[in-house]
Amino acid sequence: MQRIGFIGVGPVGTAFGVRLSQHGYEVIAVYDVSLAAAQRFAQTVTGCQVCETAQDVADMAEFVFITTPDDIIARVAAQVNWHTGQSVIHCSGACSTDVLEPAKERGATVGSFHPCQTFASINQAVENLPGSTFAIEAEEPLLSVLKEMANALRGSWLELKAEDKALYHASAAIACNYFYTIVKLAADLWQNFGKSTTEATEAFLPILRGSVSNIANVGLPDCLTGPIARGDLDTIRKHLDALGKRAPTIVGLYKALGMETIPIALAKGTIDESVAERLRELLKPD
């Protein structure tokens, strides 16, 4: 088994290092611009040595993860002297393997291995990584090695082309990051009747968990509930009236999301085209 090194150890790098080590992979070297971060990583990964430079990691390991912020990956790839037979992998969701071209020019095999997962902290990253879906961009034989890693981490995998990466990552941002935004906007509305955002968030947690459970167990489009799924125009009118009076900046977003929900309700079969058309008329932009 090839010896593995890490350059950059934030939540993603640490999660990979810890979990791969636990599954028998030999993680031997780490470097980070923050010595404290590198030392913390080495303390949690048995047999791992803290290196003074990124080059030291490349000199020690045959399999190197560059798990720095996205805008630093290309710089690391260009500054390190790689060699033939080495594998260099980044874990960015939006960047393709093109940013690793300097390593490829020096004879290394390059790849991308991105976990479709959310990492709010190092501890959460280590906890959440197993079972994720891993987006892989690589050629054989590295492709098979990364698939084996995904399997070792009890996850699934999908192959992506370079031109797919940005759209793939945008989809993940919509599903995850903008989900937080929507919850925050919804929770802030409670301030209009004297309740805090924190109180609202706590009240939403059961319905949010239930919604995720519905997606997992019922699936789209059948998991859709609510007034659009029912074709309940009167309720939507009440929503728009209340938002217009007390939170007018949200009206446009409410209508836009509603418009995107109509096709889901149609696919579920709980409304017909005549109801859908009335909903579109009600939700059309001003």
C-alpha atoms as a PDB file:
ATOM      1  CA  MET A   1       0.000   0.000   0.000  1.00  0.00           C
ATOM      2  CA  GLN A   2       1.354   3.420  -0.940  1.00  0.00           C
ATOM      3  CA  ARG A   3       2.438   5.824   1.785  1.00  0.00           C
ATOM      4  CA  ILE A   4       0.129   8.836   2.033  1.00  0.00           C
ATOM      5  CA  GLY A   5       0.956  12.464   2.828  1.00  0.00           C
ATOM      6  CA  PHE A   6      -1.170  15.558   3.331  1.00  0.00           C
ATOM      7  CA  ILE A   7      -0.448  19.150   2.412  1.00  0.00           C
ATOM      8  CA  GLY A   8      -2.975  21.339   4.214  1.00  0.00           C
ATOM      9  CA  VAL A   9      -5.042  19.957   7.079  1.00  0.00           C
ATOM     10  CA  GLY A  10      -8.247  21.837   7.695  1.00  0.00           C
ATOM     11  CA  PRO A  11     -11.476  19.911   8.308  1.00  0.00           C
ATOM     12  CA  VAL A  12     -11.382  18.011   4.988  1.00  0.00           C
ATOM     13  CA  GLY A  13      -7.722  16.999   5.152  1.00  0.00           C
ATOM     14  CA  THR A  14      -7.990  15.992   8.785  1.00  0.00           C
ATOM     15  CA  ALA A  15     -11.121  13.928   8.163  1.00  0.00           C
ATOM     16  CA  PHE A  16      -9.468  12.051   5.304  1.00  0.00           C
ATOM     17  CA  GLY A  17      -6.255  11.490   7.245  1.00  0.00           C
ATOM     18  CA  VAL A  18      -7.957  10.202  10.362  1.00  0.00           C
ATOM     19  CA  ARG A  19     -10.464   7.968   8.602  1.00  0.00           C
ATOM     20  CA  LEU A  20      -8.032   6.520   6.049  1.00  0.00           C
ATOM     21  CA  SER A  21      -5.575   5.748   8.832  1.00  0.00           C
ATOM     22  CA  GLN A  22      -8.330   3.971  10.755  1.00  0.00           C
ATOM     23  CA  HIS A  23      -8.976   1.804   7.684  1.00  0.00           C
ATOM     24  CA  GLY A  24      -5.393   0.634   7.382  1.00  0.00           C
ATOM     25  CA  TYR A  25      -3.951   3.248   5.036  1.00  0.00           C
ATOM     26  CA  GLU A  26      -0.396   4.337   5.914  1.00  0.00           C
ATOM     27  CA  VAL A  27      -0.514   8.104   6.518  1.00  0.00           C
ATOM     28  CA  ILE A  28       3.097   9.105   7.157  1.00  0.00           C
ATOM     29  CA  ALA A  29       3.566  12.837   6.551  1.00  0.00           C
ATOM     30  CA  VAL A  30       1.773  16.149   6.992  1.00  0.00           C
ATOM     31  CA  TYR A  31       2.528  19.806   6.344  1.00  0.00           C
ATOM     32  CA  ASP A  32       0.445  22.897   7.001  1.00  0.00           C
ATOM     33  CA  VAL A  33       1.333  26.576   7.159  1.00  0.00           C
ATOM     34  CA  SER A  34      -0.067  26.358  10.681  1.00  0.00           C
ATOM     35  CA  LEU A  35       2.337  24.231  12.710  1.00  0.00           C
ATOM     36  CA  ALA A  36      -0.332  23.788  15.383  1.00  0.00           C
ATOM     37  CA  ALA A  37      -2.743  22.351  12.790  1.00  0.00           C
ATOM     38  CA  ALA A  38      -0.108  19.933  11.498  1.00  0.00           C
ATOM     39  CA  GLN A  39       0.765  18.845  15.015  1.00  0.00           C
ATOM     40  CA  ARG A  40      -2.888  18.304  15.885  1.00  0.00           C
ATOM     41  CA  PHE A  41      -3.258  16.165  12.766  1.00  0.00           C
ATOM     42  CA  ALA A  42      -0.161  14.095  13.610  1.00  0.00           C
ATOM     43  CA  GLN A  43      -1.403  13.521  17.150  1.00  0.00           C
ATOM     44  CA  THR A  44      -4.580  11.909  15.828  1.00  0.00           C
ATOM     45  CA  VAL A  45      -2.907   9.811  13.110  1.00  0.00           C
ATOM     46  CA  THR A  46      -0.522   7.169  14.449  1.00  0.00           C
ATOM     47  CA  GLY A  47       2.868   7.139  12.746  1.00  0.00           C
ATOM     48  CA  CYS A  48       2.444  10.483  10.989  1.00  0.00           C
ATOM     49  CA  GLN A  49       5.398  12.902  10.904  1.00  0.00           C
ATOM     50  CA  VAL A  50       5.103  16.691  10.838  1.00  0.00           C
ATOM     51  CA  CYS A  51       7.140  18.096   7.940  1.00  0.00           C
ATOM     52  CA  GLU A  52       8.729  21.534   7.648  1.00  0.00           C
ATOM     53  CA  THR A  53       7.739  22.078   4.008  1.00  0.00           C
ATOM     54  CA  ALA A  54       5.296  20.799   1.407  1.00  0.00           C
ATOM     55  CA  GLN A  55       8.292  19.469  -0.508  1.00  0.00           C
ATOM     56  CA  ASP A  56       9.204  17.261   2.465  1.00  0.00           C
ATOM     57  CA  VAL A  57       5.772  15.603   2.232  1.00  0.00           C
ATOM     58  CA  ALA A  58       6.235  14.996  -1.495  1.00  0.00           C
ATOM     59  CA  ASP A  59       9.684  13.520  -0.878  1.00  0.00           C
ATOM     60  CA  MET A  60       8.328  11.059   1.692  1.00  0.00           C
ATOM     61  CA  ALA A  61       4.964   9.992   0.278  1.00  0.00           C
ATOM     62  CA  GLU A  62       3.974   8.352  -2.990  1.00  0.00           C
ATOM     63  CA  PHE A  63       0.328   9.403  -2.606  1.00  0.00           C
ATOM     64  CA  VAL A  64      -0.174  13.083  -1.723  1.00  0.00           C
ATOM     65  CA  PHE A  65      -3.412  14.866  -0.915  1.00  0.00           C
ATOM     66  CA  ILE A  66      -3.410  18.641  -1.426  1.00  0.00           C
ATOM     67  CA  THR A  67      -6.201  19.637   0.937  1.00  0.00           C
ATOM     68  CA  THR A  68      -5.575  23.380   1.041  1.00  0.00           C
ATOM     69  CA  PRO A  69      -8.177  26.045   0.231  1.00  0.00           C
ATOM     70  CA  ASP A  70      -9.118  25.886  -3.462  1.00  0.00           C
ATOM     71  CA  ASP A  71      -7.226  29.010  -4.518  1.00  0.00           C
ATOM     72  CA  ILE A  72      -3.934  27.613  -3.172  1.00  0.00           C
ATOM     73  CA  ILE A  73      -4.049  24.185  -4.855  1.00  0.00           C
ATOM     74  CA  ALA A  74      -2.504  25.350  -8.138  1.00  0.00           C
ATOM     75  CA  ARG A  75       0.275  27.195  -6.298  1.00  0.00           C
ATOM     76  CA  VAL A  76       1.223  24.100  -4.313  1.00  0.00           C
ATOM     77  CA  ALA A  77       1.116  21.951  -7.435  1.00  0.00           C
ATOM     78  CA  ALA A  78       3.480  24.363  -9.193  1.00  0.00           C
ATOM     79  CA  GLN A  79       5.948  24.851  -6.334  1.00  0.00           C
ATOM     80  CA  VAL A  80       6.583  21.206  -5.403  1.00  0.00           C
ATOM     81  CA  ASN A  81       8.997  19.004  -7.350  1.00  0.00           C
ATOM     82  CA  TRP A  82       6.923  15.897  -8.059  1.00  0.00           C
ATOM     83  CA  HIS A  83       8.222  12.732  -9.657  1.00  0.00           C
ATOM     84  CA  THR A  84       7.124   9.909 -11.912  1.00  0.00           C
ATOM     85  CA  GLY A  85       5.076   7.238 -10.182  1.00  0.00           C
ATOM     86  CA  GLN A  86       3.641   9.662  -7.635  1.00  0.00           C
ATOM     87  CA  SER A  87      -0.094  10.341  -7.269  1.00  0.00           C
ATOM     88  CA  VAL A  88      -1.316  13.857  -6.461  1.00  0.00           C
ATOM     89  CA  ILE A  89      -4.960  14.388  -5.491  1.00  0.00           C
ATOM     90  CA  HIS A  90      -6.955  17.434  -4.492  1.00  0.00           C
ATOM     91  CA  CYS A  91     -10.331  17.402  -2.740  1.00  0.00           C
ATOM     92  CA  SER A  92     -11.961  20.471  -4.263  1.00  0.00           C
ATOM     93  CA  GLY A  93     -15.506  20.166  -5.493  1.00  0.00           C
ATOM     94  CA  ALA A  94     -15.339  23.013  -8.026  1.00  0.00           C
ATOM     95  CA  CYS A  95     -11.789  22.652  -9.378  1.00  0.00           C
ATOM     96  CA  SER A  96     -10.929  20.072 -12.005  1.00  0.00           C
ATOM     97  CA  THR A  97      -7.622  18.234 -12.208  1.00  0.00           C
ATOM     98  CA  ASP A  98      -6.429  21.008 -14.535  1.00  0.00           C
ATOM     99  CA  VAL A  99      -5.080  22.849 -11.478  1.00  0.00           C
ATOM    100  CA  LEU A 100      -2.690  19.916 -10.959  1.00  0.00           C
ATOM    101  CA  GLU A 101      -1.188  20.210 -14.440  1.00  0.00           C
ATOM    102  CA  PRO A 102       2.292  21.159 -13.089  1.00  0.00           C
ATOM    103  CA  ALA A 103       2.390  17.877 -11.161  1.00  0.00           C
ATOM    104  CA  LYS A 104       1.253  15.959 -14.237  1.00  0.00           C
ATOM    105  CA  GLU A 105       3.981  17.598 -16.325  1.00  0.00           C
ATOM    106  CA  ARG A 106       6.560  16.273 -13.865  1.00  0.00           C
ATOM    107  CA  GLY A 107       5.298  12.713 -14.261  1.00  0.00           C
ATOM    108  CA  ALA A 108       2.778  12.414 -11.447  1.00  0.00           C
ATOM    109  CA  THR A 109      -0.673  10.915 -11.872  1.00  0.00           C
ATOM    110  CA  VAL A 110      -3.356  13.415 -10.829  1.00  0.00           C
ATOM    111  CA  GLY A 111      -6.906  13.134  -9.577  1.00  0.00           C
ATOM    112  CA  SER A 112      -9.732  14.811  -7.695  1.00  0.00           C
ATOM    113  CA  PHE A 113     -11.592  13.179  -4.802  1.00  0.00           C
ATOM    114  CA  HIS A 114     -14.382  15.338  -3.383  1.00  0.00           C
ATOM    115  CA  PRO A 115     -16.729  14.273  -0.590  1.00  0.00           C
ATOM    116  CA  CYS A 116     -20.288  15.483  -1.163  1.00  0.00           C
ATOM    117  CA  GLN A 117     -20.615  16.367   2.495  1.00  0.00           C
ATOM    118  CA  THR A 118     -20.708  19.354   4.857  1.00  0.00           C
ATOM    119  CA  PHE A 119     -17.866  20.022   7.298  1.00  0.00           C
ATOM    120  CA  ALA A 120     -18.643  22.759   9.813  1.00  0.00           C
ATOM    121  CA  SER A 121     -15.725  21.829  12.087  1.00  0.00           C
ATOM    122  CA  ILE A 122     -12.907  19.308  12.293  1.00  0.00           C
ATOM    123  CA  ASN A 123     -14.802  17.052  14.678  1.00  0.00           C
ATOM    124  CA  GLN A 124     -17.905  17.160  12.497  1.00  0.00           C
ATOM    125  CA  ALA A 125     -15.794  16.474   9.414  1.00  0.00           C
ATOM    126  CA  VAL A 126     -14.310  13.327  10.935  1.00  0.00           C
ATOM    127  CA  GLU A 127     -17.784  12.236  12.048  1.00  0.00           C
ATOM    128  CA  ASN A 128     -19.549  12.978   8.751  1.00  0.00           C
ATOM    129  CA  LEU A 129     -17.042  11.689   6.193  1.00  0.00           C
ATOM    130  CA  PRO A 130     -17.915   7.947   6.290  1.00  0.00           C
ATOM    131  CA  GLY A 131     -20.884   7.112   4.108  1.00  0.00           C
ATOM    132  CA  SER A 132     -20.497  10.150   1.861  1.00  0.00           C
ATOM    133  CA  THR A 133     -20.664  10.098  -1.905  1.00  0.00           C
ATOM    134  CA  PHE A 134     -17.268  10.870  -3.438  1.00  0.00           C
ATOM    135  CA  ALA A 135     -16.991  12.657  -6.781  1.00  0.00           C
ATOM    136  CA  ILE A 136     -13.930  11.331  -8.593  1.00  0.00           C
ATOM    137  CA  GLU A 137     -12.082  12.752 -11.566  1.00  0.00           C
ATOM    138  CA  ALA A 138      -9.101  10.593 -12.512  1.00  0.00           C
ATOM    139  CA  GLU A 139      -7.745   8.150 -15.033  1.00  0.00           C
ATOM    140  CA  GLU A 140      -6.739   4.555 -14.439  1.00  0.00           C
ATOM    141  CA  PRO A 141      -5.037   3.186 -12.435  1.00  0.00           C
ATOM    142  CA  LEU A 142      -5.635   6.042  -9.966  1.00  0.00           C
ATOM    143  CA  LEU A 143      -9.380   5.937 -10.663  1.00  0.00           C
ATOM    144  CA  SER A 144      -9.643   2.423  -9.246  1.00  0.00           C
ATOM    145  CA  VAL A 145      -7.521   3.351  -6.217  1.00  0.00           C
ATOM    146  CA  LEU A 146      -9.839   6.249  -5.372  1.00  0.00           C
ATOM    147  CA  LYS A 147     -12.905   4.058  -5.834  1.00  0.00           C
ATOM    148  CA  GLU A 148     -11.372   1.612  -3.344  1.00  0.00           C
ATOM    149  CA  MET A 149     -10.855   4.478  -0.898  1.00  0.00           C
ATOM    150  CA  ALA A 150     -14.499   5.486  -1.251  1.00  0.00           C
ATOM    151  CA  ASN A 151     -15.530   1.906  -0.528  1.00  0.00           C
ATOM    152  CA  ALA A 152     -13.196   1.757   2.482  1.00  0.00           C
ATOM    153  CA  LEU A 153     -14.903   4.872   3.831  1.00  0.00           C
ATOM    154  CA  ARG A 154     -18.269   3.098   3.468  1.00  0.00           C
ATOM    155  CA  GLY A 155     -19.260   5.569   0.788  1.00  0.00           C
ATOM    156  CA  SER A 156     -20.371   5.530  -2.802  1.00  0.00           C
ATOM    157  CA  TRP A 157     -18.706   7.236  -5.741  1.00  0.00           C
ATOM    158  CA  LEU A 158     -19.445   8.858  -9.063  1.00  0.00           C
ATOM    159  CA  GLU A 159     -17.105   9.677 -11.922  1.00  0.00           C
ATOM    160  CA  LEU A 160     -17.030  13.240 -13.241  1.00  0.00           C
ATOM    161  CA  LYS A 161     -15.394  14.894 -16.228  1.00  0.00           C
ATOM    162  CA  ALA A 162     -13.468  18.142 -15.821  1.00  0.00           C
ATOM    163  CA  GLU A 163     -16.289  20.138 -17.410  1.00  0.00           C
ATOM    164  CA  ASP A 164     -18.791  18.701 -14.901  1.00  0.00           C
ATOM    165  CA  LYS A 165     -17.057  19.842 -11.723  1.00  0.00           C
ATOM    166  CA  ALA A 166     -18.329  23.432 -11.404  1.00  0.00           C
ATOM    167  CA  LEU A 167     -21.954  22.448 -12.080  1.00  0.00           C
ATOM    168  CA  TYR A 168     -21.675  19.509  -9.681  1.00  0.00           C
ATOM    169  CA  HIS A 169     -20.343  21.799  -6.968  1.00  0.00           C
ATOM    170  CA  ALA A 170     -23.010  24.424  -7.652  1.00  0.00           C
ATOM    171  CA  SER A 171     -25.660  21.746  -7.142  1.00  0.00           C
ATOM    172  CA  ALA A 172     -24.115  20.793  -3.808  1.00  0.00           C
ATOM    173  CA  ALA A 173     -24.010  24.445  -2.745  1.00  0.00           C
ATOM    174  CA  ILE A 174     -27.703  24.847  -3.546  1.00  0.00           C
ATOM    175  CA  ALA A 175     -28.644  21.681  -1.659  1.00  0.00           C
ATOM    176  CA  CYS A 176     -26.480  22.435   1.379  1.00  0.00           C
ATOM    177  CA  ASN A 177     -25.305  26.038   1.727  1.00  0.00           C
ATOM    178  CA  TYR A 178     -28.446  27.699   0.416  1.00  0.00           C
ATOM    179  CA  PHE A 179     -30.542  25.366   2.531  1.00  0.00           C
ATOM    180  CA  TYR A 180     -29.001  27.137   5.544  1.00  0.00           C
ATOM    181  CA  THR A 181     -29.855  30.467   3.976  1.00  0.00           C
ATOM    182  CA  ILE A 182     -33.494  29.514   3.532  1.00  0.00           C
ATOM    183  CA  VAL A 183     -33.741  28.263   7.130  1.00  0.00           C
ATOM    184  CA  LYS A 184     -32.172  31.533   8.358  1.00  0.00           C
ATOM    185  CA  LEU A 185     -34.616  33.640   6.329  1.00  0.00           C
ATOM    186  CA  ALA A 186     -37.547  31.590   7.594  1.00  0.00           C
ATOM    187  CA  ALA A 187     -36.366  31.797  11.189  1.00  0.00           C
ATOM    188  CA  ASP A 188     -35.853  35.555  11.005  1.00  0.00           C
ATOM    189  CA  LEU A 189     -39.536  35.997  10.132  1.00  0.00           C
ATOM    190  CA  TRP A 190     -40.385  34.995  13.692  1.00  0.00           C
ATOM    191  CA  GLN A 191     -38.949  38.295  14.904  1.00  0.00           C
ATOM    192  CA  ASN A 192     -42.095  39.896  13.460  1.00  0.00           C
ATOM    193  CA  PHE A 193     -44.126  38.260  16.228  1.00  0.00           C
ATOM    194  CA  GLY A 194     -41.651  38.642  19.066  1.00  0.00           C
ATOM    195  CA  LYS A 195     -39.698  35.389  18.829  1.00  0.00           C
ATOM    196  CA  SER A 196     -35.982  35.027  18.297  1.00  0.00           C
ATOM    197  CA  THR A 197     -34.218  33.373  15.384  1.00  0.00           C
ATOM    198  CA  THR A 198     -32.834  30.846  17.856  1.00  0.00           C
ATOM    199  CA  GLU A 199     -36.324  29.952  19.094  1.00  0.00           C
ATOM    200  CA  ALA A 200     -37.504  29.568  15.512  1.00  0.00           C
ATOM    201  CA  THR A 201     -34.554  27.386  14.553  1.00  0.00           C
ATOM    202  CA  GLU A 202     -35.179  25.068  17.491  1.00  0.00           C
ATOM    203  CA  ALA A 203     -38.853  24.853  16.557  1.00  0.00           C
ATOM    204  CA  PHE A 204     -37.940  24.024  12.956  1.00  0.00           C
ATOM    205  CA  LEU A 205     -35.563  21.175  13.782  1.00  0.00           C
ATOM    206  CA  PRO A 206     -38.236  18.436  13.987  1.00  0.00           C
ATOM    207  CA  ILE A 207     -39.811  19.479  10.692  1.00  0.00           C
ATOM    208  CA  LEU A 208     -36.390  19.725   9.054  1.00  0.00           C
ATOM    209  CA  ARG A 209     -35.445  16.251  10.268  1.00  0.00           C
ATOM    210  CA  GLY A 210     -38.829  15.003   9.072  1.00  0.00           C
ATOM    211  CA  SER A 211     -38.269  16.577   5.665  1.00  0.00           C
ATOM    212  CA  VAL A 212     -34.873  14.888   5.264  1.00  0.00           C
ATOM    213  CA  SER A 213     -36.444  11.615   6.378  1.00  0.00           C
ATOM    214  CA  ASN A 214     -39.180  12.035   3.770  1.00  0.00           C
ATOM    215  CA  ILE A 215     -36.602  12.566   1.031  1.00  0.00           C
ATOM    216  CA  ALA A 216     -34.720   9.457   2.149  1.00  0.00           C
ATOM    217  CA  ASN A 217     -37.720   7.204   2.664  1.00  0.00           C
ATOM    218  CA  VAL A 218     -40.335   8.499   0.224  1.00  0.00           C
ATOM    219  CA  GLY A 219     -38.204  10.285  -2.355  1.00  0.00           C
ATOM    220  CA  LEU A 220     -38.906  13.025  -4.847  1.00  0.00           C
ATOM    221  CA  PRO A 221     -41.477  13.980  -6.005  1.00  0.00           C
ATOM    222  CA  ASP A 222     -43.731  12.092  -3.582  1.00  0.00           C
ATOM    223  CA  CYS A 223     -42.148  13.605  -0.470  1.00  0.00           C
ATOM    224  CA  LEU A 224     -43.465  17.070  -1.337  1.00  0.00           C
ATOM    225  CA  THR A 225     -46.035  18.435   1.115  1.00  0.00           C
ATOM    226  CA  GLY A 226     -47.550  21.867   1.705  1.00  0.00           C
ATOM    227  CA  PRO A 227     -49.901  24.264  -0.045  1.00  0.00           C
ATOM    228  CA  ILE A 228     -48.473  23.921  -3.549  1.00  0.00           C
ATOM    229  CA  ALA A 229     -48.639  20.130  -3.329  1.00  0.00           C
ATOM    230  CA  ARG A 230     -52.303  20.550  -2.322  1.00  0.00           C
ATOM    231  CA  GLY A 231     -53.053  23.300  -4.808  1.00  0.00           C
ATOM    232  CA  ASP A 232     -54.141  25.476  -1.872  1.00  0.00           C
ATOM    233  CA  LEU A 233     -54.303  28.894  -3.507  1.00  0.00           C
ATOM    234  CA  ASP A 234     -56.029  30.611  -0.585  1.00  0.00           C
ATOM    235  CA  THR A 235     -53.207  29.707   1.768  1.00  0.00           C
ATOM    236  CA  ILE A 236     -50.594  30.954  -0.698  1.00  0.00           C
ATOM    237  CA  ARG A 237     -52.506  34.236  -1.043  1.00  0.00           C
ATOM    238  CA  LYS A 238     -52.418  34.607   2.738  1.00  0.00           C
ATOM    239  CA  HIS A 239     -48.669  33.938   2.701  1.00  0.00           C
ATOM    240  CA  LEU A 240     -48.080  36.572   0.044  1.00  0.00           C
ATOM    241  CA  ASP A 241     -50.254  39.113   1.840  1.00  0.00           C
ATOM    242  CA  ALA A 242     -48.450  38.588   5.160  1.00  0.00           C
ATOM    243  CA  LEU A 243     -45.020  38.715   3.567  1.00  0.00           C
ATOM    244  CA  GLY A 244     -45.943  41.801   1.558  1.00  0.00           C
ATOM    245  CA  LYS A 245     -46.937  43.643   4.718  1.00  0.00           C
ATOM    246  CA  ARG A 246     -44.242  42.440   7.130  1.00  0.00           C
ATOM    247  CA  ALA A 247     -41.335  41.090   5.108  1.00  0.00           C
ATOM    248  CA  PRO A 248     -41.593  42.495   1.569  1.00  0.00           C
ATOM    249  CA  THR A 249     -37.986  41.687   0.672  1.00  0.00           C
ATOM    250  CA  ILE A 250     -38.836  37.968   0.880  1.00  0.00           C
ATOM    251  CA  VAL A 251     -41.781  38.053  -1.527  1.00  0.00           C
ATOM    252  CA  GLY A 252     -39.659  37.625  -4.655  1.00  0.00           C
ATOM    253  CA  LEU A 253     -37.820  34.615  -3.228  1.00  0.00           C
ATOM    254  CA  TYR A 254     -41.081  33.054  -2.012  1.00  0.00           C
ATOM    255  CA  LYS A 255     -42.566  33.372  -5.494  1.00  0.00           C
ATOM    256  CA  ALA A 256     -39.438  32.058  -7.221  1.00  0.00           C
ATOM    257  CA  LEU A 257     -39.269  29.003  -4.972  1.00  0.00           C
ATOM    258  CA  GLY A 258     -42.982  28.456  -5.403  1.00  0.00           C
ATOM    259  CA  MET A 259     -42.631  28.497  -9.181  1.00  0.00           C
ATOM    260  CA  GLU A 260     -39.918  25.832  -8.974  1.00  0.00           C
ATOM    261  CA  THR A 261     -42.149  23.737  -6.699  1.00  0.00           C
ATOM    262  CA  ILE A 262     -45.088  23.574  -9.111  1.00  0.00           C
ATOM    263  CA  PRO A 263     -43.440  20.977 -11.406  1.00  0.00           C
ATOM    264  CA  ILE A 264     -42.740  18.776  -8.382  1.00  0.00           C
ATOM    265  CA  ALA A 265     -46.401  18.877  -7.404  1.00  0.00           C
ATOM    266  CA  LEU A 266     -47.379  18.040 -10.980  1.00  0.00           C
ATOM    267  CA  ALA A 267     -44.985  15.103 -10.997  1.00  0.00           C
ATOM    268  CA  LYS A 268     -46.432  13.905  -7.707  1.00  0.00           C
ATOM    269  CA  GLY A 269     -49.865  13.995  -9.277  1.00  0.00           C
ATOM    270  CA  THR A 270     -51.612  15.930  -6.515  1.00  0.00           C
ATOM    271  CA  ILE A 271     -52.450  18.889  -8.782  1.00  0.00           C
ATOM    272  CA  ASP A 272     -53.416  19.020 -12.441  1.00  0.00           C
ATOM    273  CA  GLU A 273     -52.367  21.456 -15.138  1.00  0.00           C
ATOM    274  CA  SER A 274     -55.333  23.770 -14.543  1.00  0.00           C
ATOM    275  CA  VAL A 275     -54.373  24.221 -10.890  1.00  0.00           C
ATOM    276  CA  ALA A 276     -50.727  24.583 -11.876  1.00  0.00           C
ATOM    277  CA  GLU A 277     -51.626  27.426 -14.234  1.00  0.00           C
ATOM    278  CA  ARG A 278     -53.543  29.243 -11.474  1.00  0.00           C
ATOM    279  CA  LEU A 279     -50.538  28.801  -9.186  1.00  0.00           C
ATOM    280  CA  ARG A 280     -48.231  30.228 -11.856  1.00  0.00           C
ATOM    281  CA  GLU A 281     -50.472  33.236 -12.257  1.00  0.00           C
ATOM    282  CA  LEU A 282     -50.465  33.812  -8.508  1.00  0.00           C
ATOM    283  CA  LEU A 283     -46.696  33.378  -8.166  1.00  0.00           C
ATOM    284  CA  LYS A 284     -45.531  35.178 -11.289  1.00  0.00           C
ATOM    285  CA  PRO A 285     -42.950  37.935 -10.654  1.00  0.00           C
ATOM    286  CA  ASP A 286     -44.290  41.452 -10.217  1.00  0.00           C
END
